[in-house]
């Protein structure tokens, strides 16, 4: 029984993915998208990157940055203490096992 629609022998794999994708525009291999990237020069790329960084990126405020830094430091300290406790306990357990065996 043949399923409806194109098969691999009829079309390329990329066309099958594009055809059966729930979002047909995503992952497109159309010629227009390739032409845009081929036409882009290094100077144009750097100008667009700078414009995006200055006008489109949302930078955190100083207080948001401080709060995030404190949160990361506290989380790091907690994780380091947990790992140190696990290391100490496993060390004591292995020491007790070795003392039993030797």
Protein backbone atom coordinates (compact mmCIF):
# COMPACT_ATOMS: atom_id res chain seq x y z
CA UNK A 1 0.00 0.00 0.00
CA UNK A 2 1.46 3.32 -1.04
CA UNK A 3 1.05 6.31 1.26
CA UNK A 4 -0.19 9.57 -0.25
CA UNK A 5 2.31 12.31 -0.87
CA UNK A 6 5.84 12.42 -2.24
CA UNK A 7 8.35 9.65 -1.62
CA UNK A 8 12.12 9.79 -1.34
CA UNK A 9 12.46 8.58 -4.92
CA UNK A 10 10.25 11.49 -6.09
CA UNK A 11 11.94 14.31 -4.16
CA UNK A 12 15.02 15.06 -2.13
CA UNK A 13 15.11 14.46 1.64
CA UNK A 14 15.21 18.20 2.37
CA UNK A 15 12.05 18.71 0.38
CA UNK A 16 10.31 15.93 2.30
CA UNK A 17 11.24 17.52 5.61
CA UNK A 18 10.07 20.91 4.41
CA UNK A 19 6.86 19.45 2.97
CA UNK A 20 5.86 17.47 6.08
CA UNK A 21 7.09 20.00 8.67
CA UNK A 22 4.40 21.45 10.97
CA UNK A 23 6.06 24.82 10.40
CA UNK A 24 6.80 24.85 6.68
CA UNK A 25 8.77 28.11 6.77
CA UNK A 26 11.26 26.79 9.33
CA UNK A 27 14.36 25.18 7.92
CA UNK A 28 13.53 26.21 4.40
CA UNK A 29 16.09 25.62 1.73
CA UNK A 30 14.69 28.17 -0.69
CA UNK A 31 16.96 30.00 -3.08
CA UNK A 32 16.02 33.42 -1.71
CA UNK A 33 17.35 32.65 1.78
CA UNK A 34 20.61 31.35 0.31
CA UNK A 35 20.98 34.47 -1.84
CA UNK A 36 20.69 36.72 1.21
CA UNK A 37 23.58 34.99 2.97
CA UNK A 38 25.76 34.82 -0.13
CA UNK A 39 25.36 38.57 -0.70
CA UNK A 40 26.36 39.56 2.86
CA UNK A 41 29.88 41.00 3.14
CA UNK A 42 31.98 41.18 6.31
CA UNK A 43 31.47 44.95 6.56
CA UNK A 44 27.70 44.57 6.23
CA UNK A 45 27.70 41.75 8.81
CA UNK A 46 29.63 43.86 11.34
CA UNK A 47 27.36 46.87 10.79
CA UNK A 48 24.21 44.80 11.30
CA UNK A 49 25.70 43.10 14.38
CA UNK A 50 26.57 46.47 15.94
CA UNK A 51 23.11 47.85 15.16
CA UNK A 52 21.46 44.82 16.73
CA UNK A 53 23.60 45.07 19.87
CA UNK A 54 22.89 48.78 20.30
CA UNK A 55 19.21 48.97 19.36
CA UNK A 56 17.62 45.53 19.70
CA UNK A 57 19.33 43.86 22.68
CA UNK A 58 17.78 44.48 26.09
CA UNK A 59 20.59 45.03 28.58
CA UNK A 60 19.96 44.48 32.32
CA UNK A 61 20.07 47.39 34.73
CA UNK A 62 22.89 47.64 37.26
CA UNK A 63 20.67 46.40 40.10
CA UNK A 64 19.41 43.45 38.03
CA UNK A 65 23.01 42.57 37.21
CA UNK A 66 24.01 42.73 40.90
CA UNK A 67 21.03 40.58 41.93
CA UNK A 68 21.88 37.98 39.30
CA UNK A 69 25.54 37.94 40.36
CA UNK A 70 24.60 37.43 44.02
CA UNK A 71 22.20 34.64 43.07
CA UNK A 72 24.91 32.86 41.05
CA UNK A 73 27.44 33.18 43.89
CA UNK A 74 25.01 31.82 46.49
CA UNK A 75 24.00 28.90 44.25
CA UNK A 76 27.67 28.14 43.56
CA UNK A 77 28.48 28.17 47.28
CA UNK A 78 25.58 25.83 48.08
CA UNK A 79 26.56 23.38 45.34
CA UNK A 80 30.22 23.50 46.44
CA UNK A 81 29.22 22.70 50.04
CA UNK A 82 27.05 19.78 48.90
CA UNK A 83 29.87 18.36 46.77
CA UNK A 84 32.37 18.81 49.64
CA UNK A 85 30.03 16.99 52.04
CA UNK A 86 29.56 14.14 49.56
CA UNK A 87 33.33 13.91 49.02
CA UNK A 88 34.01 13.85 52.78
CA UNK A 89 31.34 11.20 53.43
CA UNK A 90 32.45 8.94 50.56
CA UNK A 91 36.04 9.30 51.73
CA UNK A 92 35.09 8.16 55.24
CA UNK A 93 33.00 5.27 53.88
CA UNK A 94 35.83 4.06 51.62
CA UNK A 95 38.32 4.41 54.49
CA UNK A 96 36.08 2.22 56.67
CA UNK A 97 35.77 -0.39 53.90
CA UNK A 98 39.54 -0.48 53.37
CA UNK A 99 40.13 -0.84 57.13
CA UNK A 100 37.79 -3.87 57.15
CA UNK A 101 39.55 -5.51 54.21
CA UNK A 102 43.18 -4.87 55.18
